[in-house]
Amino acid sequence: MARNRILIVDDSEVARAALSARLTEGGASVVCASSAEDALAVDAETISAAIVDVELGADDGRSLADVLL
């Protein structure tokens, strides 16, 4: 499967919505997750880039970024 989406991982609904809207306006395909658990459920083969909140609630955003890509 081709990698063609940007994954946004942020526990803030406002931040996810703002980033998603801006990227979508620019023509990107976006998928959002509110937690590390949700992000890991996304098919990594379809993700070309990830924007990950470093302070991701109870999760560690830096460690998640290492795992995702």
C-alpha atoms as a PDB file:
ATOM      1  CA  MET A   1       0.000   0.000   0.000  1.00  0.00           C
ATOM      2  CA  ALA A   2       1.343   3.438  -0.877  1.00  0.00           C
ATOM      3  CA  ARG A   3       2.389   5.822   1.861  1.00  0.00           C
ATOM      4  CA  ASN A   4       0.339   8.945   1.252  1.00  0.00           C
ATOM      5  CA  ARG A   5      -1.045  10.315   4.514  1.00  0.00           C
ATOM      6  CA  ILE A   6       0.105  12.540   7.341  1.00  0.00           C
ATOM      7  CA  LEU A   7      -0.617  11.296  10.858  1.00  0.00           C
ATOM      8  CA  ILE A   8      -1.360  13.928  13.496  1.00  0.00           C
ATOM      9  CA  VAL A   9      -1.108  12.716  17.087  1.00  0.00           C
ATOM     10  CA  ASP A  10      -2.165  15.200  19.738  1.00  0.00           C
ATOM     11  CA  ASP A  11      -4.279  14.919  22.866  1.00  0.00           C
ATOM     12  CA  SER A  12      -5.705  18.378  22.181  1.00  0.00           C
ATOM     13  CA  GLU A  13      -8.776  18.246  19.963  1.00  0.00           C
ATOM     14  CA  VAL A  14      -8.266  21.915  19.054  1.00  0.00           C
ATOM     15  CA  ALA A  15      -4.675  21.320  17.933  1.00  0.00           C
ATOM     16  CA  ARG A  16      -5.652  18.245  15.894  1.00  0.00           C
ATOM     17  CA  ALA A  17      -8.471  20.123  14.179  1.00  0.00           C
ATOM     18  CA  ALA A  18      -6.321  23.169  13.388  1.00  0.00           C
ATOM     19  CA  LEU A  19      -3.423  21.138  11.977  1.00  0.00           C
ATOM     20  CA  SER A  20      -5.753  18.869  10.048  1.00  0.00           C
ATOM     21  CA  ALA A  21      -7.637  21.788   8.499  1.00  0.00           C
ATOM     22  CA  ARG A  22      -4.445  23.547   7.435  1.00  0.00           C
ATOM     23  CA  LEU A  23      -2.876  20.433   5.931  1.00  0.00           C
ATOM     24  CA  THR A  24      -6.091  19.426   4.190  1.00  0.00           C
ATOM     25  CA  GLU A  25      -6.384  22.911   2.686  1.00  0.00           C
ATOM     26  CA  GLY A  26      -2.908  22.346   1.268  1.00  0.00           C
ATOM     27  CA  GLY A  27      -4.027  19.121  -0.389  1.00  0.00           C
ATOM     28  CA  ALA A  28      -2.715  16.607   2.124  1.00  0.00           C
ATOM     29  CA  SER A  29      -4.529  13.490   3.229  1.00  0.00           C
ATOM     30  CA  VAL A  30      -4.648  13.469   7.027  1.00  0.00           C
ATOM     31  CA  VAL A  31      -5.487  10.966   9.736  1.00  0.00           C
ATOM     32  CA  CYS A  32      -5.706  12.020  13.391  1.00  0.00           C
ATOM     33  CA  ALA A  33      -5.149  10.194  16.664  1.00  0.00           C
ATOM     34  CA  SER A  34      -5.656  11.446  20.203  1.00  0.00           C
ATOM     35  CA  SER A  35      -3.315   8.985  21.925  1.00  0.00           C
ATOM     36  CA  ALA A  36      -0.328   6.740  21.328  1.00  0.00           C
ATOM     37  CA  GLU A  37      -2.656   3.745  21.399  1.00  0.00           C
ATOM     38  CA  ASP A  38      -4.840   5.220  18.646  1.00  0.00           C
ATOM     39  CA  ALA A  39      -1.783   6.177  16.596  1.00  0.00           C
ATOM     40  CA  LEU A  40      -0.359   2.664  16.769  1.00  0.00           C
ATOM     41  CA  ALA A  41      -3.648   1.297  15.428  1.00  0.00           C
ATOM     42  CA  VAL A  42      -3.140   3.235  12.163  1.00  0.00           C
ATOM     43  CA  ASP A  43      -1.613   1.217   9.323  1.00  0.00           C
ATOM     44  CA  ALA A  44       1.983   2.539   9.308  1.00  0.00           C
ATOM     45  CA  GLU A  45       2.388   1.511   5.668  1.00  0.00           C
ATOM     46  CA  THR A  46      -0.003   4.315   4.668  1.00  0.00           C
ATOM     47  CA  ILE A  47       1.767   7.076   6.618  1.00  0.00           C
ATOM     48  CA  SER A  48       4.415   9.239   4.961  1.00  0.00           C
ATOM     49  CA  ALA A  49       4.905  11.666   7.864  1.00  0.00           C
ATOM     50  CA  ALA A  50       3.777  12.167  11.433  1.00  0.00           C
ATOM     51  CA  ILE A  51       3.281  15.248  13.577  1.00  0.00           C
ATOM     52  CA  VAL A  52       3.440  14.078  17.180  1.00  0.00           C
ATOM     53  CA  ASP A  53       2.798  16.128  20.303  1.00  0.00           C
ATOM     54  CA  VAL A  54       5.831  15.684  22.561  1.00  0.00           C
ATOM     55  CA  GLU A  55       3.701  16.151  25.680  1.00  0.00           C
ATOM     56  CA  LEU A  56       1.060  13.597  24.794  1.00  0.00           C
ATOM     57  CA  GLY A  57      -0.861  13.281  28.041  1.00  0.00           C
ATOM     58  CA  ALA A  58       0.182  10.074  29.795  1.00  0.00           C
ATOM     59  CA  ASP A  59       2.123   8.899  26.725  1.00  0.00           C
ATOM     60  CA  ASP A  60       5.627   9.850  25.600  1.00  0.00           C
ATOM     61  CA  GLY A  61       5.416  11.525  22.204  1.00  0.00           C
ATOM     62  CA  ARG A  62       9.137  11.164  21.482  1.00  0.00           C
ATOM     63  CA  SER A  63       9.051   7.402  22.004  1.00  0.00           C
ATOM     64  CA  LEU A  64       5.928   7.143  19.878  1.00  0.00           C
ATOM     65  CA  ALA A  65       7.609   9.021  17.022  1.00  0.00           C
ATOM     66  CA  ASP A  66      10.505   6.553  17.122  1.00  0.00           C
ATOM     67  CA  VAL A  67       8.101   3.634  16.845  1.00  0.00           C
ATOM     68  CA  LEU A  68       5.906   5.130  14.122  1.00  0.00           C
ATOM     69  CA  LEU A  69       8.539   5.996  11.581  1.00  0.00           C
END
